[in-house]
Amino acid sequence: MSKTAIILGATGLTGRILLASLLDDSRYTKIKLFSRKAIGISHSKIEEHLINVLQLKSITDNFKADEVFCCIGTTNSKTPDKGLYRSIDFGIPVTAAQLCVQNKIETFIVISALGADSDSKIFYNRTKGEMEEAILAFEIPKTHILQPSLISGKRNEKRAGEYFFKQFMKILNPLLFGPLKKYRSIHPTTIASAMIWLANNSSEKKRIVSDEIQTIHTKKQL
């Protein structure tokens, strides 16, 4: 097996871990990266393209692979402008899905968020929900939308409020079980692992919530 994968968001927390995992995976011989800044990794599998990811359509002819992994996402604190926020969290994944259809890429796996809801009064949740609905409307044969809870792990940039909440969740996680289990914080390695498993195995589930992501990760380790 010799596959080519595209990663959008490879410089982010989960994207970097996903990239490292794919580089170690013998099923993949080429990893195409489309991002605005260099990843800073030299590897024979990596084909890096520095572009304005808000203009993905400009590289339509090069947007060709067996699978697309979309790890794009921002935050209100990092991107307070709602127009730009929507262009990133909605525009990039939806454009990527459109290019998948155009270039006959049949596997598209994207990270959304727990609580995504197109009818939500919360802008963040509503944007994620609208993104999910737009992507599902393309009917890409193998589409999976991951909805993680708070993502743990160390980021390059400092987010004071998020840091303290993560510390709080470390204490709270063991108390969340049953229906509340999906609210436990989740490590980016778990998300990346589940994305790869979904790309290489059959699953009818389109939307996958946080505790189900953990279950898939555990399954991959067996």
N, C-alpha and C. Protein backbone atom coordinates (compact mmCIF):
# COMPACT_ATOMS: atom_id res chain seq x y z
N MET A 1 0.85 -1.20 0.00
CA MET A 1 0.00 0.00 0.00
C MET A 1 0.88 1.25 0.00
N SER A 2 0.55 2.18 -0.87
CA SER A 2 1.32 3.41 -0.96
C SER A 2 0.35 4.58 -1.09
N LYS A 3 0.17 5.32 -0.01
CA LYS A 3 -0.84 6.36 0.00
C LYS A 3 -0.24 7.75 0.19
N THR A 4 -0.98 8.73 -0.34
CA THR A 4 -0.64 10.13 -0.15
C THR A 4 -1.72 10.78 0.71
N ALA A 5 -1.29 11.52 1.71
CA ALA A 5 -2.23 12.22 2.59
C ALA A 5 -1.97 13.72 2.55
N ILE A 6 -3.01 14.48 2.68
CA ILE A 6 -2.91 15.93 2.85
C ILE A 6 -3.25 16.26 4.29
N ILE A 7 -2.44 17.11 4.92
CA ILE A 7 -2.77 17.62 6.26
C ILE A 7 -2.93 19.13 6.18
N LEU A 8 -4.05 19.62 6.64
CA LEU A 8 -4.26 21.06 6.84
C LEU A 8 -4.19 21.32 8.34
N GLY A 9 -3.30 22.21 8.74
CA GLY A 9 -3.15 22.49 10.17
C GLY A 9 -2.05 21.67 10.81
N ALA A 10 -1.02 21.32 10.03
CA ALA A 10 0.06 20.48 10.55
C ALA A 10 0.94 21.20 11.57
N THR A 11 0.85 22.52 11.65
CA THR A 11 1.66 23.27 12.62
C THR A 11 0.97 23.39 13.97
N GLY A 12 -0.27 22.95 14.06
CA GLY A 12 -1.02 23.02 15.31
C GLY A 12 -0.73 21.84 16.23
N LEU A 13 -1.36 21.85 17.38
CA LEU A 13 -1.10 20.85 18.42
C LEU A 13 -1.40 19.43 17.93
N THR A 14 -2.60 19.20 17.45
CA THR A 14 -2.96 17.86 16.97
C THR A 14 -2.33 17.56 15.63
N GLY A 15 -2.26 18.57 14.77
CA GLY A 15 -1.68 18.38 13.43
C GLY A 15 -0.25 17.91 13.46
N ARG A 16 0.54 18.43 14.38
CA ARG A 16 1.95 18.01 14.49
C ARG A 16 2.05 16.55 14.89
N ILE A 17 1.22 16.14 15.81
CA ILE A 17 1.24 14.74 16.26
C ILE A 17 0.76 13.82 15.15
N LEU A 18 -0.27 14.25 14.43
CA LEU A 18 -0.77 13.48 13.30
C LEU A 18 0.33 13.32 12.25
N LEU A 19 1.03 14.40 11.94
CA LEU A 19 2.12 14.34 10.97
C LEU A 19 3.19 13.34 11.39
N ALA A 20 3.61 13.41 12.65
CA ALA A 20 4.64 12.49 13.14
C ALA A 20 4.19 11.05 13.02
N SER A 21 2.91 10.80 13.29
CA SER A 21 2.37 9.44 13.21
C SER A 21 2.35 8.95 11.77
N LEU A 22 1.97 9.81 10.85
CA LEU A 22 1.91 9.42 9.44
C LEU A 22 3.31 9.19 8.86
N LEU A 23 4.27 9.96 9.34
CA LEU A 23 5.65 9.77 8.88
C LEU A 23 6.19 8.40 9.31
N ASP A 24 5.69 7.91 10.43
CA ASP A 24 6.12 6.60 10.94
C ASP A 24 5.28 5.44 10.39
N ASP A 25 4.25 5.78 9.62
CA ASP A 25 3.32 4.77 9.12
C ASP A 25 3.72 4.35 7.71
N SER A 26 4.05 3.09 7.54
CA SER A 26 4.55 2.59 6.25
C SER A 26 3.50 2.62 5.14
N ARG A 27 2.23 2.78 5.50
CA ARG A 27 1.18 2.84 4.48
C ARG A 27 1.21 4.15 3.70
N TYR A 28 1.89 5.17 4.27
CA TYR A 28 1.93 6.49 3.65
C TYR A 28 3.32 6.78 3.11
N THR A 29 3.39 7.15 1.84
CA THR A 29 4.69 7.46 1.23
C THR A 29 4.87 8.95 0.96
N LYS A 30 3.77 9.70 0.97
CA LYS A 30 3.87 11.15 0.76
C LYS A 30 2.85 11.86 1.64
N ILE A 31 3.32 12.91 2.33
CA ILE A 31 2.44 13.74 3.15
C ILE A 31 2.54 15.17 2.62
N LYS A 32 1.44 15.67 2.07
CA LYS A 32 1.41 17.03 1.56
C LYS A 32 0.92 17.97 2.66
N LEU A 33 1.67 19.02 2.89
CA LEU A 33 1.31 20.01 3.90
C LEU A 33 0.99 21.33 3.22
N PHE A 34 -0.15 21.87 3.52
CA PHE A 34 -0.53 23.20 3.02
C PHE A 34 -0.73 24.10 4.24
N SER A 35 0.14 25.08 4.39
CA SER A 35 0.06 25.96 5.56
C SER A 35 0.77 27.27 5.26
N ARG A 36 0.57 28.25 6.16
CA ARG A 36 1.16 29.57 5.94
C ARG A 36 2.58 29.67 6.46
N LYS A 37 2.98 28.73 7.33
CA LYS A 37 4.35 28.77 7.84
C LYS A 37 4.96 27.37 7.81
N ALA A 38 6.29 27.34 7.70
CA ALA A 38 7.00 26.06 7.56
C ALA A 38 6.89 25.23 8.83
N ILE A 39 6.83 23.94 8.66
CA ILE A 39 6.72 23.02 9.79
C ILE A 39 8.05 22.86 10.51
N GLY A 40 9.14 23.09 9.81
CA GLY A 40 10.46 22.98 10.43
C GLY A 40 10.95 21.56 10.58
N ILE A 41 10.42 20.66 9.76
CA ILE A 41 10.83 19.25 9.78
C ILE A 41 11.28 18.84 8.39
N SER A 42 12.42 18.19 8.31
CA SER A 42 12.91 17.68 7.03
C SER A 42 12.71 16.17 6.98
N HIS A 43 11.98 15.72 5.97
CA HIS A 43 11.70 14.28 5.83
C HIS A 43 11.38 13.99 4.37
N SER A 44 11.82 12.84 3.90
CA SER A 44 11.62 12.48 2.49
C SER A 44 10.15 12.35 2.11
N LYS A 45 9.28 12.08 3.08
CA LYS A 45 7.85 11.93 2.79
C LYS A 45 7.12 13.27 2.66
N ILE A 46 7.71 14.31 3.23
CA ILE A 46 7.00 15.60 3.31
C ILE A 46 7.14 16.39 2.01
N GLU A 47 5.99 16.85 1.53
CA GLU A 47 5.94 17.80 0.41
C GLU A 47 5.22 19.03 0.94
N GLU A 48 5.98 20.09 1.19
CA GLU A 48 5.44 21.25 1.89
C GLU A 48 5.12 22.39 0.94
N HIS A 49 3.94 22.98 1.13
CA HIS A 49 3.50 24.10 0.30
C HIS A 49 3.10 25.25 1.22
N LEU A 50 3.83 26.35 1.14
CA LEU A 50 3.52 27.53 1.95
C LEU A 50 2.58 28.43 1.15
N ILE A 51 1.35 28.52 1.65
CA ILE A 51 0.31 29.25 0.94
C ILE A 51 -0.56 30.01 1.93
N ASN A 52 -1.44 30.83 1.40
CA ASN A 52 -2.50 31.43 2.20
C ASN A 52 -3.64 30.42 2.25
N VAL A 53 -3.80 29.74 3.37
CA VAL A 53 -4.79 28.67 3.44
C VAL A 53 -6.24 29.18 3.33
N LEU A 54 -6.42 30.49 3.41
CA LEU A 54 -7.75 31.05 3.18
C LEU A 54 -8.07 31.07 1.70
N GLN A 55 -7.08 30.74 0.86
CA GLN A 55 -7.27 30.73 -0.59
C GLN A 55 -6.90 29.36 -1.16
N LEU A 56 -7.46 28.31 -0.59
CA LEU A 56 -7.14 26.95 -1.01
C LEU A 56 -7.44 26.69 -2.48
N LYS A 57 -8.45 27.37 -3.00
CA LYS A 57 -8.82 27.12 -4.40
C LYS A 57 -7.70 27.48 -5.37
N SER A 58 -6.75 28.29 -4.90
CA SER A 58 -5.64 28.69 -5.78
C SER A 58 -4.69 27.52 -6.06
N ILE A 59 -4.77 26.45 -5.25
CA ILE A 59 -3.89 25.30 -5.46
C ILE A 59 -4.70 24.04 -5.78
N THR A 60 -5.84 24.24 -6.42
CA THR A 60 -6.73 23.12 -6.74
C THR A 60 -6.00 21.99 -7.45
N ASP A 61 -5.17 22.31 -8.42
CA ASP A 61 -4.49 21.27 -9.22
C ASP A 61 -3.52 20.44 -8.40
N ASN A 62 -3.03 21.00 -7.31
CA ASN A 62 -2.07 20.27 -6.46
C ASN A 62 -2.74 19.63 -5.26
N PHE A 63 -4.02 19.89 -5.08
CA PHE A 63 -4.76 19.36 -3.94
C PHE A 63 -5.26 17.96 -4.31
N LYS A 64 -4.33 17.05 -4.40
CA LYS A 64 -4.65 15.69 -4.82
C LYS A 64 -3.97 14.69 -3.88
N ALA A 65 -4.75 13.74 -3.40
CA ALA A 65 -4.23 12.75 -2.45
C ALA A 65 -5.26 11.64 -2.30
N ASP A 66 -4.94 10.65 -1.48
CA ASP A 66 -5.89 9.60 -1.16
C ASP A 66 -6.79 10.00 0.01
N GLU A 67 -6.22 10.81 0.91
CA GLU A 67 -6.94 11.19 2.13
C GLU A 67 -6.61 12.63 2.50
N VAL A 68 -7.57 13.30 3.09
CA VAL A 68 -7.35 14.66 3.60
C VAL A 68 -7.70 14.69 5.08
N PHE A 69 -6.75 15.18 5.88
CA PHE A 69 -6.95 15.35 7.32
C PHE A 69 -6.97 16.85 7.61
N CYS A 70 -8.06 17.35 8.15
CA CYS A 70 -8.17 18.78 8.42
C CYS A 70 -8.16 19.03 9.93
N CYS A 71 -7.08 19.64 10.39
CA CYS A 71 -6.90 19.94 11.82
C CYS A 71 -6.94 21.45 12.07
N ILE A 72 -7.56 22.17 11.17
CA ILE A 72 -7.62 23.63 11.25
C ILE A 72 -8.57 24.07 12.36
N GLY A 73 -8.17 25.10 13.10
CA GLY A 73 -9.05 25.66 14.11
C GLY A 73 -8.38 26.82 14.81
N THR A 74 -9.18 27.77 15.26
CA THR A 74 -8.64 28.90 16.00
C THR A 74 -9.48 29.11 17.26
N THR A 75 -9.25 30.18 17.98
CA THR A 75 -9.99 30.48 19.21
C THR A 75 -10.46 31.93 19.20
N ASN A 76 -11.42 32.23 20.04
CA ASN A 76 -11.90 33.61 20.14
C ASN A 76 -10.79 34.55 20.58
N SER A 77 -9.94 34.12 21.51
CA SER A 77 -8.87 34.99 22.00
C SER A 77 -7.80 35.22 20.94
N LYS A 78 -7.55 34.20 20.14
CA LYS A 78 -6.52 34.31 19.11
C LYS A 78 -7.04 35.06 17.88
N THR A 79 -8.32 34.89 17.59
CA THR A 79 -8.94 35.53 16.42
C THR A 79 -10.25 36.19 16.85
N PRO A 80 -10.18 37.37 17.46
CA PRO A 80 -11.38 38.03 17.97
C PRO A 80 -12.31 38.53 16.87
N ASP A 81 -11.79 38.78 15.67
CA ASP A 81 -12.62 39.22 14.56
C ASP A 81 -13.49 38.06 14.07
N LYS A 82 -14.81 38.19 14.20
CA LYS A 82 -15.71 37.08 13.89
C LYS A 82 -15.71 36.72 12.41
N GLY A 83 -15.49 37.71 11.55
CA GLY A 83 -15.44 37.43 10.12
C GLY A 83 -14.25 36.56 9.77
N LEU A 84 -13.08 36.90 10.34
CA LEU A 84 -11.88 36.11 10.09
C LEU A 84 -12.01 34.74 10.75
N TYR A 85 -12.58 34.73 11.95
CA TYR A 85 -12.78 33.46 12.67
C TYR A 85 -13.60 32.50 11.82
N ARG A 86 -14.67 32.99 11.24
CA ARG A 86 -15.52 32.14 10.41
C ARG A 86 -14.79 31.69 9.13
N SER A 87 -13.98 32.59 8.58
CA SER A 87 -13.22 32.24 7.38
C SER A 87 -12.27 31.07 7.65
N ILE A 88 -11.77 31.00 8.89
CA ILE A 88 -10.84 29.92 9.26
C ILE A 88 -11.60 28.65 9.62
N ASP A 89 -12.49 28.75 10.61
CA ASP A 89 -13.13 27.55 11.16
C ASP A 89 -14.23 26.98 10.27
N PHE A 90 -14.82 27.80 9.44
CA PHE A 90 -15.83 27.33 8.49
C PHE A 90 -15.26 27.27 7.07
N GLY A 91 -14.68 28.37 6.65
CA GLY A 91 -14.25 28.51 5.26
C GLY A 91 -13.20 27.50 4.82
N ILE A 92 -12.16 27.30 5.63
CA ILE A 92 -11.08 26.39 5.22
C ILE A 92 -11.55 24.94 5.12
N PRO A 93 -12.18 24.38 6.17
CA PRO A 93 -12.63 22.99 6.05
C PRO A 93 -13.64 22.77 4.92
N VAL A 94 -14.56 23.71 4.74
CA VAL A 94 -15.58 23.55 3.70
C VAL A 94 -14.96 23.64 2.31
N THR A 95 -14.03 24.56 2.12
CA THR A 95 -13.33 24.64 0.83
C THR A 95 -12.54 23.37 0.57
N ALA A 96 -11.90 22.84 1.61
CA ALA A 96 -11.14 21.60 1.46
C ALA A 96 -12.05 20.45 1.04
N ALA A 97 -13.23 20.39 1.64
CA ALA A 97 -14.19 19.35 1.28
C ALA A 97 -14.65 19.51 -0.17
N GLN A 98 -14.83 20.76 -0.58
CA GLN A 98 -15.22 21.03 -1.97
C GLN A 98 -14.14 20.56 -2.94
N LEU A 99 -12.88 20.78 -2.59
CA LEU A 99 -11.77 20.34 -3.43
C LEU A 99 -11.67 18.82 -3.46
N CYS A 100 -12.05 18.18 -2.35
CA CYS A 100 -12.08 16.71 -2.33
C CYS A 100 -13.05 16.19 -3.37
N VAL A 101 -14.22 16.80 -3.43
CA VAL A 101 -15.22 16.40 -4.42
C VAL A 101 -14.69 16.65 -5.83
N GLN A 102 -14.13 17.82 -6.03
CA GLN A 102 -13.64 18.20 -7.36
C GLN A 102 -12.51 17.28 -7.83
N ASN A 103 -11.63 16.87 -6.90
CA ASN A 103 -10.48 16.04 -7.27
C ASN A 103 -10.67 14.56 -6.95
N LYS A 104 -11.92 14.22 -6.65
CA LYS A 104 -12.29 12.81 -6.42
C LYS A 104 -11.49 12.15 -5.29
N ILE A 105 -11.29 12.90 -4.21
CA ILE A 105 -10.69 12.36 -2.99
C ILE A 105 -11.83 11.83 -2.13
N GLU A 106 -11.79 10.57 -1.77
CA GLU A 106 -12.94 9.93 -1.14
C GLU A 106 -12.86 9.82 0.38
N THR A 107 -11.77 10.32 0.98
CA THR A 107 -11.65 10.28 2.44
C THR A 107 -11.34 11.67 2.97
N PHE A 108 -12.22 12.17 3.82
CA PHE A 108 -12.05 13.49 4.42
C PHE A 108 -12.36 13.40 5.91
N ILE A 109 -11.36 13.69 6.74
CA ILE A 109 -11.52 13.59 8.18
C ILE A 109 -11.18 14.95 8.79
N VAL A 110 -12.10 15.50 9.57
CA VAL A 110 -11.95 16.86 10.07
C VAL A 110 -12.22 16.91 11.57
N ILE A 111 -11.49 17.78 12.25
CA ILE A 111 -11.71 18.00 13.67
C ILE A 111 -12.69 19.16 13.86
N SER A 112 -13.75 18.91 14.59
CA SER A 112 -14.73 19.93 14.92
C SER A 112 -14.64 20.17 16.44
N ALA A 113 -15.73 20.11 17.13
CA ALA A 113 -15.70 20.31 18.59
C ALA A 113 -16.97 19.76 19.22
N LEU A 114 -16.84 19.28 20.42
CA LEU A 114 -18.01 18.85 21.19
C LEU A 114 -18.90 20.07 21.42
N GLY A 115 -20.17 19.92 21.17
CA GLY A 115 -21.09 21.04 21.32
C GLY A 115 -21.39 21.77 20.03
N ALA A 116 -20.79 21.32 18.93
CA ALA A 116 -21.09 21.92 17.63
C ALA A 116 -22.58 21.81 17.34
N ASP A 117 -23.19 22.94 16.98
CA ASP A 117 -24.64 22.96 16.78
C ASP A 117 -25.00 24.17 15.93
N SER A 118 -25.51 23.93 14.75
CA SER A 118 -25.82 25.03 13.84
C SER A 118 -26.92 25.94 14.38
N ASP A 119 -27.68 25.48 15.37
CA ASP A 119 -28.76 26.29 15.96
C ASP A 119 -28.34 26.96 17.27
N SER A 120 -27.09 26.78 17.65
CA SER A 120 -26.62 27.33 18.93
C SER A 120 -26.58 28.86 18.89
N LYS A 121 -26.83 29.47 20.04
CA LYS A 121 -26.70 30.92 20.17
C LYS A 121 -25.24 31.33 20.39
N ILE A 122 -24.40 30.35 20.69
CA ILE A 122 -22.97 30.62 20.90
C ILE A 122 -22.27 30.59 19.54
N PHE A 123 -21.62 31.67 19.21
CA PHE A 123 -21.01 31.82 17.88
C PHE A 123 -20.06 30.67 17.56
N TYR A 124 -19.21 30.31 18.50
CA TYR A 124 -18.22 29.24 18.29
C TYR A 124 -18.93 27.93 17.95
N ASN A 125 -19.89 27.52 18.77
CA ASN A 125 -20.60 26.27 18.53
C ASN A 125 -21.41 26.30 17.24
N ARG A 126 -22.01 27.46 16.96
CA ARG A 126 -22.82 27.58 15.74
C ARG A 126 -21.95 27.47 14.49
N THR A 127 -20.79 28.10 14.52
CA THR A 127 -19.88 28.04 13.37
C THR A 127 -19.43 26.62 13.11
N LYS A 128 -19.07 25.90 14.17
CA LYS A 128 -18.66 24.51 14.03
C LYS A 128 -19.82 23.66 13.48
N GLY A 129 -21.02 23.89 14.00
CA GLY A 129 -22.18 23.14 13.55
C GLY A 129 -22.49 23.39 12.08
N GLU A 130 -22.40 24.63 11.67
CA GLU A 130 -22.64 24.98 10.26
C GLU A 130 -21.56 24.37 9.37
N MET A 131 -20.34 24.35 9.85
CA MET A 131 -19.25 23.71 9.11
C MET A 131 -19.55 22.24 8.90
N GLU A 132 -19.97 21.55 9.95
CA GLU A 132 -20.26 20.12 9.86
C GLU A 132 -21.36 19.85 8.83
N GLU A 133 -22.43 20.63 8.89
CA GLU A 133 -23.55 20.42 7.97
C GLU A 133 -23.14 20.66 6.52
N ALA A 134 -22.32 21.69 6.30
CA ALA A 134 -21.86 22.00 4.95
C ALA A 134 -20.99 20.88 4.40
N ILE A 135 -20.14 20.33 5.24
CA ILE A 135 -19.25 19.24 4.80
C ILE A 135 -20.05 17.97 4.51
N LEU A 136 -20.98 17.62 5.37
CA LEU A 136 -21.78 16.42 5.15
C LEU A 136 -22.62 16.53 3.88
N ALA A 137 -22.98 17.76 3.50
CA ALA A 137 -23.79 17.97 2.29
C ALA A 137 -23.02 17.59 1.02
N PHE A 138 -21.69 17.59 1.08
CA PHE A 138 -20.90 17.20 -0.09
C PHE A 138 -20.95 15.69 -0.35
N GLU A 139 -21.34 14.95 0.67
CA GLU A 139 -21.48 13.49 0.57
C GLU A 139 -20.19 12.82 0.06
N ILE A 140 -19.07 13.23 0.61
CA ILE A 140 -17.80 12.55 0.34
C ILE A 140 -17.93 11.14 0.93
N PRO A 141 -17.62 10.10 0.16
CA PRO A 141 -17.90 8.72 0.59
C PRO A 141 -17.43 8.39 2.01
N LYS A 142 -16.23 8.78 2.37
CA LYS A 142 -15.69 8.44 3.69
C LYS A 142 -15.41 9.74 4.43
N THR A 143 -16.46 10.25 5.05
CA THR A 143 -16.36 11.50 5.82
C THR A 143 -16.51 11.19 7.30
N HIS A 144 -15.57 11.70 8.10
CA HIS A 144 -15.67 11.54 9.55
C HIS A 144 -15.38 12.88 10.21
N ILE A 145 -16.28 13.29 11.10
CA ILE A 145 -16.13 14.54 11.83
C ILE A 145 -15.90 14.22 13.30
N LEU A 146 -14.73 14.57 13.81
CA LEU A 146 -14.40 14.28 15.20
C LEU A 146 -14.78 15.48 16.07
N GLN A 147 -15.47 15.19 17.17
CA GLN A 147 -15.93 16.23 18.08
C GLN A 147 -15.29 16.06 19.46
N PRO A 148 -14.02 16.47 19.60
CA PRO A 148 -13.35 16.32 20.89
C PRO A 148 -13.82 17.34 21.91
N SER A 149 -13.67 16.97 23.17
CA SER A 149 -13.88 17.90 24.26
C SER A 149 -12.62 18.78 24.35
N LEU A 150 -12.36 19.38 25.51
CA LEU A 150 -11.15 20.19 25.67
C LEU A 150 -9.92 19.36 25.35
N ILE A 151 -9.08 19.87 24.45
CA ILE A 151 -7.87 19.15 24.04
C ILE A 151 -6.74 19.50 25.00
N SER A 152 -6.20 18.48 25.67
CA SER A 152 -5.09 18.71 26.59
C SER A 152 -3.78 18.75 25.78
N GLY A 153 -2.66 18.78 26.48
CA GLY A 153 -1.38 18.84 25.78
C GLY A 153 -0.81 20.25 25.80
N LYS A 154 0.47 20.35 25.53
CA LYS A 154 1.18 21.62 25.63
C LYS A 154 1.23 22.32 24.28
N ARG A 155 0.70 23.52 24.23
CA ARG A 155 0.72 24.31 23.01
C ARG A 155 1.95 25.21 22.97
N ASN A 156 2.30 25.64 21.74
CA ASN A 156 3.44 26.55 21.59
C ASN A 156 3.11 27.93 22.14
N GLU A 157 1.86 28.37 21.90
CA GLU A 157 1.47 29.68 22.40
C GLU A 157 0.85 29.56 23.78
N LYS A 158 0.93 30.63 24.55
CA LYS A 158 0.40 30.63 25.92
C LYS A 158 -1.07 31.03 25.91
N ARG A 159 -1.91 30.21 26.59
CA ARG A 159 -3.32 30.52 26.76
C ARG A 159 -3.62 30.32 28.24
N ALA A 160 -3.47 31.40 29.02
CA ALA A 160 -3.54 31.31 30.48
C ALA A 160 -4.84 30.66 30.96
N GLY A 161 -5.98 31.17 30.48
CA GLY A 161 -7.27 30.63 30.92
C GLY A 161 -7.41 29.16 30.59
N GLU A 162 -6.99 28.79 29.40
CA GLU A 162 -7.08 27.39 28.98
C GLU A 162 -6.17 26.51 29.83
N TYR A 163 -4.99 27.04 30.19
CA TYR A 163 -4.04 26.26 30.99
C TYR A 163 -4.67 25.88 32.34
N PHE A 164 -5.27 26.85 33.01
CA PHE A 164 -5.85 26.58 34.33
C PHE A 164 -7.05 25.64 34.22
N PHE A 165 -7.82 25.78 33.14
CA PHE A 165 -8.96 24.90 32.96
C PHE A 165 -8.49 23.46 32.72
N LYS A 166 -7.39 23.32 31.99
CA LYS A 166 -6.84 21.98 31.76
C LYS A 166 -6.40 21.34 33.07
N GLN A 167 -5.80 22.14 33.96
CA GLN A 167 -5.37 21.61 35.25
C GLN A 167 -6.59 21.17 36.07
N PHE A 168 -7.65 21.97 35.98
CA PHE A 168 -8.89 21.63 36.69
C PHE A 168 -9.48 20.33 36.14
N MET A 169 -9.42 20.15 34.81
CA MET A 169 -10.00 18.97 34.18
C MET A 169 -9.24 17.71 34.56
N LYS A 170 -7.96 17.82 34.86
CA LYS A 170 -7.19 16.65 35.30
C LYS A 170 -7.78 16.07 36.58
N ILE A 171 -8.28 16.97 37.43
CA ILE A 171 -8.91 16.55 38.69
C ILE A 171 -10.32 16.04 38.44
N LEU A 172 -11.02 16.71 37.53
CA LEU A 172 -12.43 16.40 37.29
C LEU A 172 -12.63 15.13 36.44
N ASN A 173 -11.71 14.85 35.53
CA ASN A 173 -11.88 13.74 34.57
C ASN A 173 -12.34 12.42 35.21
N PRO A 174 -11.69 11.97 36.30
CA PRO A 174 -12.09 10.67 36.88
C PRO A 174 -13.52 10.65 37.42
N LEU A 175 -14.09 11.84 37.64
CA LEU A 175 -15.45 11.92 38.18
C LEU A 175 -16.51 11.92 37.07
N LEU A 176 -16.05 12.02 35.83
CA LEU A 176 -16.97 12.05 34.70
C LEU A 176 -17.07 10.65 34.10
N PHE A 177 -18.20 10.02 34.27
CA PHE A 177 -18.40 8.68 33.72
C PHE A 177 -19.83 8.56 33.21
N GLY A 178 -20.14 7.45 32.55
CA GLY A 178 -21.46 7.29 31.95
C GLY A 178 -21.68 8.34 30.88
N PRO A 179 -22.86 8.98 30.85
CA PRO A 179 -23.16 10.00 29.84
C PRO A 179 -22.22 11.20 29.89
N LEU A 180 -21.57 11.40 31.06
CA LEU A 180 -20.68 12.55 31.22
C LEU A 180 -19.25 12.28 30.74
N LYS A 181 -18.98 11.05 30.37
CA LYS A 181 -17.62 10.65 29.98
C LYS A 181 -17.11 11.44 28.78
N LYS A 182 -18.02 11.83 27.90
CA LYS A 182 -17.61 12.55 26.68
C LYS A 182 -17.04 13.94 26.99
N TYR A 183 -17.27 14.42 28.22
CA TYR A 183 -16.78 15.75 28.58
C TYR A 183 -15.36 15.73 29.16
N ARG A 184 -14.80 14.54 29.34
CA ARG A 184 -13.41 14.47 29.80
C ARG A 184 -12.48 15.12 28.79
N SER A 185 -11.44 15.79 29.26
CA SER A 185 -10.45 16.34 28.33
C SER A 185 -9.78 15.19 27.60
N ILE A 186 -9.26 15.48 26.41
CA ILE A 186 -8.72 14.44 25.56
C ILE A 186 -7.36 14.87 25.01
N HIS A 187 -6.43 13.93 24.93
CA HIS A 187 -5.07 14.25 24.48
C HIS A 187 -5.02 14.26 22.95
N PRO A 188 -4.25 15.17 22.36
CA PRO A 188 -4.16 15.22 20.89
C PRO A 188 -3.64 13.93 20.26
N THR A 189 -2.81 13.18 20.99
CA THR A 189 -2.34 11.89 20.47
C THR A 189 -3.51 10.95 20.25
N THR A 190 -4.48 10.99 21.14
CA THR A 190 -5.67 10.16 21.02
C THR A 190 -6.47 10.54 19.77
N ILE A 191 -6.59 11.84 19.53
CA ILE A 191 -7.33 12.32 18.36
C ILE A 191 -6.63 11.91 17.07
N ALA A 192 -5.32 12.14 17.01
CA ALA A 192 -4.55 11.79 15.81
C ALA A 192 -4.62 10.30 15.53
N SER A 193 -4.52 9.50 16.57
CA SER A 193 -4.59 8.05 16.44
C SER A 193 -5.93 7.61 15.86
N ALA A 194 -7.01 8.21 16.36
CA ALA A 194 -8.35 7.88 15.88
C ALA A 194 -8.53 8.29 14.42
N MET A 195 -7.97 9.44 14.04
CA MET A 195 -8.08 9.90 12.66
C MET A 195 -7.45 8.90 11.69
N ILE A 196 -6.29 8.40 12.05
CA ILE A 196 -5.60 7.43 11.19
C ILE A 196 -6.37 6.12 11.13
N TRP A 197 -6.90 5.68 12.27
CA TRP A 197 -7.67 4.43 12.28
C TRP A 197 -8.90 4.56 11.39
N LEU A 198 -9.59 5.67 11.48
CA LEU A 198 -10.79 5.89 10.67
C LEU A 198 -10.48 5.93 9.18
N ALA A 199 -9.32 6.48 8.84
CA ALA A 199 -8.92 6.56 7.44
C ALA A 199 -8.65 5.18 6.85
N ASN A 200 -8.28 4.24 7.71
CA ASN A 200 -7.85 2.93 7.22
C ASN A 200 -8.78 1.78 7.59
N ASN A 201 -9.94 2.12 8.15
CA ASN A 201 -10.91 1.10 8.53
C ASN A 201 -12.32 1.56 8.20
N SER A 202 -13.24 0.63 8.18
CA SER A 202 -14.63 0.94 7.86
C SER A 202 -15.38 1.40 9.10
N SER A 203 -16.11 2.48 8.95
CA SER A 203 -16.98 2.98 10.03
C SER A 203 -18.11 3.77 9.39
N GLU A 204 -19.33 3.45 9.77
CA GLU A 204 -20.49 4.14 9.22
C GLU A 204 -20.74 5.47 9.94
N LYS A 205 -20.08 5.65 11.06
CA LYS A 205 -20.35 6.83 11.89
C LYS A 205 -19.73 8.08 11.25
N LYS A 206 -20.54 9.09 11.07
CA LYS A 206 -20.06 10.34 10.48
C LYS A 206 -19.54 11.31 11.55
N ARG A 207 -20.34 11.49 12.61
CA ARG A 207 -19.93 12.36 13.72
C ARG A 207 -19.50 11.48 14.89
N ILE A 208 -18.31 11.77 15.43
CA ILE A 208 -17.73 10.92 16.47
C ILE A 208 -17.38 11.79 17.67
N VAL A 209 -18.09 11.61 18.79
CA VAL A 209 -17.89 12.46 19.96
C VAL A 209 -16.67 11.99 20.77
N SER A 210 -16.31 12.78 21.75
CA SER A 210 -15.02 12.67 22.41
C SER A 210 -14.74 11.29 23.02
N ASP A 211 -15.71 10.71 23.75
CA ASP A 211 -15.44 9.41 24.36
C ASP A 211 -15.35 8.31 23.31
N GLU A 212 -16.04 8.48 22.17
CA GLU A 212 -15.92 7.53 21.07
C GLU A 212 -14.56 7.62 20.39
N ILE A 213 -14.00 8.82 20.36
CA ILE A 213 -12.64 9.00 19.84
C ILE A 213 -11.66 8.20 20.69
N GLN A 214 -11.84 8.27 22.01
CA GLN A 214 -11.00 7.52 22.93
C GLN A 214 -11.13 6.02 22.69
N THR A 215 -12.34 5.55 22.44
CA THR A 215 -12.58 4.13 22.18
C THR A 215 -11.86 3.68 20.91
N ILE A 216 -11.91 4.50 19.87
CA ILE A 216 -11.23 4.16 18.62
C ILE A 216 -9.72 4.12 18.84
N HIS A 217 -9.21 5.10 19.59
CA HIS A 217 -7.77 5.12 19.89
C HIS A 217 -7.36 3.84 20.60
N THR A 218 -8.14 3.42 21.57
CA THR A 218 -7.85 2.18 22.30
C THR A 218 -7.87 0.98 21.36
N LYS A 219 -8.83 0.98 20.44
CA LYS A 219 -8.95 -0.10 19.46
C LYS A 219 -7.71 -0.16 18.58
N LYS A 220 -7.18 1.01 18.22
CA LYS A 220 -5.99 1.06 17.36
C LYS A 220 -4.77 0.48 18.05
N GLN A 221 -4.74 0.59 19.38
CA GLN A 221 -3.58 0.12 20.13
C GLN A 221 -3.56 -1.41 20.29
N LEU A 222 -4.73 -2.04 20.06
CA LEU A 222 -4.83 -3.50 20.28
C LEU A 222 -4.14 -4.29 19.17
